[in-house]
N, C-alpha and C. Protein backbone atom coordinates (compact mmCIF):
# COMPACT_ATOMS: atom_id res chain seq x y z
N MET A 1 21.35 -81.52 -35.97
CA MET A 1 22.02 -79.95 -36.67
C MET A 1 23.25 -79.53 -35.38
N GLY A 2 24.24 -78.79 -36.21
CA GLY A 2 25.55 -78.80 -35.67
C GLY A 2 25.05 -76.75 -34.82
N ARG A 3 25.79 -76.53 -34.26
CA ARG A 3 25.85 -75.55 -33.37
C ARG A 3 25.62 -74.32 -34.26
N ASN A 4 26.78 -74.30 -34.63
CA ASN A 4 26.25 -73.42 -36.68
C ASN A 4 25.05 -72.90 -37.03
N GLU A 5 24.89 -74.42 -37.28
CA GLU A 5 23.51 -74.43 -38.31
C GLU A 5 22.46 -73.87 -37.10
N ILE A 6 22.15 -74.00 -35.82
CA ILE A 6 21.35 -73.68 -34.90
C ILE A 6 21.20 -72.27 -35.07
N ARG A 7 22.49 -71.44 -34.92
CA ARG A 7 22.75 -69.88 -34.87
C ARG A 7 22.11 -69.29 -36.52
N LEU A 8 22.86 -69.93 -37.42
CA LEU A 8 21.70 -69.19 -38.80
C LEU A 8 20.52 -69.87 -38.64
N ARG A 9 20.32 -70.01 -38.24
CA ARG A 9 18.32 -70.75 -38.46
C ARG A 9 18.23 -69.46 -37.87
N ARG A 10 17.90 -69.49 -36.57
CA ARG A 10 17.82 -68.46 -35.44
C ARG A 10 17.88 -67.09 -36.14
N GLN A 11 19.08 -66.91 -36.61
CA GLN A 11 18.96 -65.43 -37.26
C GLN A 11 18.47 -65.57 -38.78
N LYS A 12 17.84 -66.45 -39.52
CA LYS A 12 17.10 -65.99 -40.88
C LYS A 12 16.07 -65.19 -40.54
N MET A 13 16.26 -64.87 -41.50
CA MET A 13 15.04 -63.69 -41.91
C MET A 13 13.77 -64.06 -42.06
N SER A 14 12.80 -64.12 -41.50
CA SER A 14 11.59 -63.86 -41.96
C SER A 14 10.62 -62.97 -41.29
N SER A 15 9.26 -63.43 -41.81
CA SER A 15 8.37 -62.39 -42.71
C SER A 15 7.92 -61.51 -41.04
N GLY A 16 7.96 -62.41 -39.62
CA GLY A 16 7.97 -61.86 -37.99
C GLY A 16 9.40 -61.12 -38.23
N ARG A 17 10.04 -61.36 -38.78
CA ARG A 17 11.46 -60.64 -38.26
C ARG A 17 11.44 -59.52 -38.65
N ILE A 18 11.48 -59.49 -40.18
CA ILE A 18 11.01 -58.04 -40.99
C ILE A 18 9.66 -57.23 -40.62
N ALA A 19 9.41 -57.84 -39.73
CA ALA A 19 7.50 -57.04 -39.66
C ALA A 19 8.22 -56.74 -37.95
N GLN A 20 8.65 -56.61 -37.33
CA GLN A 20 9.60 -56.24 -35.65
C GLN A 20 10.55 -54.90 -36.50
N HIS A 21 11.96 -55.19 -37.59
CA HIS A 21 11.96 -54.06 -38.11
C HIS A 21 11.62 -53.43 -38.67
N ARG A 22 10.82 -53.12 -38.72
CA ARG A 22 10.03 -51.88 -40.00
C ARG A 22 10.35 -50.91 -39.72
N ASN A 23 10.06 -50.56 -38.35
CA ASN A 23 9.28 -49.35 -37.78
C ASN A 23 10.79 -49.24 -36.96
N TYR A 24 12.02 -49.08 -37.46
CA TYR A 24 13.88 -49.54 -37.12
C TYR A 24 13.56 -47.72 -36.26
N GLY A 25 13.51 -46.63 -37.22
CA GLY A 25 14.15 -45.68 -36.90
C GLY A 25 12.66 -44.88 -35.94
N GLU A 26 11.50 -45.32 -35.64
CA GLU A 26 10.67 -45.23 -34.31
C GLU A 26 11.14 -45.65 -33.46
N ILE A 27 11.05 -46.56 -32.98
CA ILE A 27 12.12 -47.64 -32.32
C ILE A 27 13.07 -46.77 -31.62
N MET A 28 13.96 -46.32 -32.59
CA MET A 28 15.41 -46.06 -31.88
C MET A 28 15.14 -44.79 -31.40
N ALA A 29 14.34 -43.76 -31.41
CA ALA A 29 13.67 -42.88 -31.29
C ALA A 29 13.43 -42.79 -29.79
N ARG A 30 12.57 -44.00 -29.49
CA ARG A 30 11.68 -44.22 -28.58
C ARG A 30 13.00 -44.68 -27.41
N HIS A 31 13.61 -45.63 -28.05
CA HIS A 31 14.74 -45.86 -26.71
C HIS A 31 15.69 -44.33 -26.62
N GLU A 32 16.04 -43.53 -27.37
CA GLU A 32 17.15 -42.36 -26.95
C GLU A 32 16.00 -41.47 -26.45
N ARG A 33 14.78 -41.75 -26.49
CA ARG A 33 14.20 -40.39 -25.26
C ARG A 33 13.84 -41.29 -23.99
N ASP A 34 13.94 -42.70 -23.73
CA ASP A 34 13.53 -43.31 -22.63
C ASP A 34 15.26 -43.55 -22.10
N ILE A 35 16.72 -42.98 -22.95
CA ILE A 35 17.32 -43.18 -21.93
C ILE A 35 17.75 -41.59 -21.38
N LYS A 36 17.18 -40.68 -22.81
CA LYS A 36 17.40 -39.45 -21.74
C LYS A 36 16.48 -38.85 -20.49
N ILE A 37 15.09 -40.21 -20.69
CA ILE A 37 14.31 -39.53 -18.96
C ILE A 37 14.79 -40.36 -18.44
N ARG A 38 15.42 -41.08 -18.06
CA ARG A 38 16.30 -42.15 -16.85
C ARG A 38 17.52 -41.53 -16.93
N ARG A 39 17.90 -40.68 -17.25
CA ARG A 39 19.02 -39.90 -17.14
C ARG A 39 18.72 -39.02 -16.43
N THR A 40 18.04 -38.29 -16.49
CA THR A 40 17.15 -37.54 -16.25
C THR A 40 16.39 -36.97 -14.63
N VAL A 41 16.04 -38.94 -14.69
CA VAL A 41 15.45 -38.77 -13.43
C VAL A 41 16.85 -39.48 -12.77
N ARG A 42 17.78 -40.61 -13.07
CA ARG A 42 18.88 -39.97 -11.92
C ARG A 42 19.29 -38.95 -11.46
N VAL A 43 19.63 -37.91 -12.90
CA VAL A 43 20.34 -36.80 -11.76
C VAL A 43 19.48 -35.93 -10.57
N PHE A 44 18.53 -36.42 -11.22
CA PHE A 44 17.35 -35.38 -9.51
C PHE A 44 17.56 -36.17 -9.15
N LEU A 45 17.35 -37.51 -8.98
CA LEU A 45 17.13 -38.47 -7.91
C LEU A 45 18.72 -37.97 -6.97
N TYR A 46 19.76 -37.82 -7.55
CA TYR A 46 20.84 -37.73 -7.11
C TYR A 46 20.52 -36.17 -6.39
N PHE A 47 20.08 -35.47 -7.07
CA PHE A 47 20.13 -34.28 -6.38
C PHE A 47 19.57 -34.09 -5.16
N LEU A 48 18.07 -34.67 -5.26
CA LEU A 48 17.61 -34.73 -3.57
C LEU A 48 18.56 -35.55 -2.90
N ILE A 49 18.80 -36.66 -3.02
CA ILE A 49 19.31 -37.39 -1.91
C ILE A 49 20.60 -36.13 -1.39
N ILE A 50 21.37 -35.83 -2.34
CA ILE A 50 22.05 -34.81 -1.54
C ILE A 50 22.16 -33.46 -0.92
N ALA A 51 20.69 -32.95 -1.59
CA ALA A 51 19.98 -32.29 -0.81
C ALA A 51 19.78 -32.13 0.53
N PHE A 52 18.54 -33.35 0.69
CA PHE A 52 18.46 -33.60 1.77
C PHE A 52 19.60 -34.06 3.27
N LEU A 53 20.69 -34.58 2.70
CA LEU A 53 21.69 -34.98 3.12
C LEU A 53 22.74 -33.51 3.99
N LEU A 54 22.14 -32.75 2.72
CA LEU A 54 22.75 -31.30 3.15
C LEU A 54 22.01 -31.05 4.57
N VAL A 55 20.76 -30.78 3.87
CA VAL A 55 19.49 -30.15 4.97
C VAL A 55 19.70 -30.60 6.43
N LEU A 56 20.23 -32.42 6.37
CA LEU A 56 20.58 -33.26 7.68
C LEU A 56 21.69 -32.91 7.77
N PHE A 57 22.29 -32.82 7.60
CA PHE A 57 24.15 -31.91 7.89
C PHE A 57 23.59 -30.95 8.49
N ILE A 58 23.21 -29.75 7.55
CA ILE A 58 22.88 -28.81 8.75
C ILE A 58 22.11 -28.75 10.21
N MET A 59 20.35 -29.15 10.10
CA MET A 59 20.19 -29.31 11.09
C MET A 59 21.03 -30.06 12.32
N VAL A 60 21.59 -31.07 12.04
CA VAL A 60 22.13 -31.56 13.01
C VAL A 60 23.48 -30.72 13.68
N LYS A 61 24.11 -29.50 12.21
CA LYS A 61 24.90 -29.14 13.31
C LYS A 61 24.41 -27.75 13.95
N ARG A 62 22.92 -27.25 13.81
CA ARG A 62 22.45 -26.30 14.33
C ARG A 62 21.92 -26.74 15.99
N TRP A 63 21.76 -28.53 16.00
CA TRP A 63 21.11 -28.88 17.35
C TRP A 63 22.76 -28.90 17.75
N GLU A 64 23.91 -29.00 17.34
CA GLU A 64 24.88 -29.31 18.54
C GLU A 64 25.33 -28.03 18.67
N GLN A 65 25.13 -26.53 18.06
CA GLN A 65 25.57 -25.77 18.63
C GLN A 65 24.73 -25.18 19.45
N LYS A 66 23.19 -25.93 19.64
CA LYS A 66 22.38 -25.19 20.96
C LYS A 66 22.83 -26.16 21.67
N GLN A 67 22.87 -27.43 21.72
CA GLN A 67 23.25 -28.23 22.35
C GLN A 67 25.00 -27.16 23.56
N GLY A 68 25.89 -26.55 22.91
CA GLY A 68 26.55 -26.38 23.62
C GLY A 68 26.63 -24.55 24.26
N LYS A 69 25.52 -24.39 23.86
CA LYS A 69 25.26 -23.25 24.44
C LYS A 69 24.06 -23.51 25.32
N VAL A 70 23.60 -24.21 25.89
CA VAL A 70 22.94 -25.06 26.75
C VAL A 70 23.90 -25.25 28.00
N LYS A 71 24.80 -26.13 27.75
CA LYS A 71 25.91 -26.81 28.84
C LYS A 71 26.77 -25.44 28.99
N GLU A 72 27.13 -24.37 28.23
CA GLU A 72 27.79 -23.11 28.51
C GLU A 72 27.13 -22.55 29.89
N LYS A 73 25.51 -22.77 29.36
CA LYS A 73 25.03 -21.45 30.22
C LYS A 73 24.65 -21.93 31.78
N THR A 74 24.31 -23.52 31.55
CA THR A 74 24.56 -24.17 32.82
C THR A 74 25.72 -24.93 33.68
N ALA A 75 26.55 -23.97 33.46
CA ALA A 75 28.50 -24.39 33.87
C ALA A 75 28.17 -24.09 35.22
N TRP A 76 27.72 -23.40 35.60
CA TRP A 76 27.32 -23.09 36.92
C TRP A 76 27.12 -24.47 38.26
N VAL A 77 28.19 -24.54 39.18
CA VAL A 77 28.15 -25.82 40.07
C VAL A 77 27.67 -25.68 41.22
N LEU A 78 26.99 -26.17 42.28
CA LEU A 78 26.82 -26.07 43.57
C LEU A 78 27.99 -26.60 44.00
N LYS A 79 28.78 -26.57 45.09
CA LYS A 79 29.68 -26.93 45.60
C LYS A 79 28.90 -27.97 47.24
N SER A 80 28.91 -28.43 47.32
CA SER A 80 28.16 -29.46 49.01
C SER A 80 28.88 -29.03 49.96
N ASN A 81 30.24 -28.51 49.93
CA ASN A 81 30.40 -28.49 51.32
C ASN A 81 30.36 -26.88 51.44
N GLY A 82 30.31 -26.03 50.34
CA GLY A 82 29.55 -24.61 50.98
C GLY A 82 28.09 -24.05 50.16
N SER A 83 28.29 -22.39 50.50
CA SER A 83 27.32 -22.53 49.77
C SER A 83 27.02 -20.74 48.87
N THR A 84 28.59 -20.95 48.30
CA THR A 84 28.43 -19.93 47.13
C THR A 84 28.89 -21.03 45.80
N PHE A 85 28.38 -20.08 45.37
CA PHE A 85 28.34 -20.60 43.36
C PHE A 85 30.15 -20.71 42.55
N THR A 86 30.35 -21.66 42.65
CA THR A 86 31.61 -21.64 41.59
C THR A 86 31.47 -22.28 40.30
N SER A 87 32.62 -21.35 39.45
CA SER A 87 31.81 -21.93 37.86
C SER A 87 32.93 -23.44 37.59
N ALA A 88 32.72 -24.38 37.02
CA ALA A 88 33.08 -25.53 36.48
C ALA A 88 34.34 -25.19 35.68
N LYS A 89 34.08 -23.49 34.96
CA LYS A 89 35.50 -23.20 33.65
C LYS A 89 36.17 -22.93 34.75
N THR A 90 37.73 -22.64 34.36
CA THR A 90 39.04 -22.12 35.09
C THR A 90 39.24 -20.96 34.44
N HIS A 91 39.11 -20.07 35.23
CA HIS A 91 39.08 -18.51 34.49
C HIS A 91 41.06 -17.95 34.70
C-alpha cells in the first residue's frame, strides 16, 4: 500500500468514527468551556504573581527606609583620642 492509500484508509468513515462525532456540538461546547476556564485560571495566576511581587517590593522598600533611619540615628561617632562626641555628617 502506498502512503496515500494508508492515509485514505485511516480517514475512512466507520461506525466507530461516526459514533465519535455524534455529539460534536456537545464536545465543542465543552471545549469552549474548558478554554474559558483555562484562560480565567491563567489570568488569575498572573494577577496573583503580580500582586505577590508588588507586596514583596513594598516590603523591601519599607525595610530599606527603616534601615536608613536606624543608620541616621546611630551616625554619632566617639573619637578615640577625645572625649567628645562628633557627628559623622558634615554640617
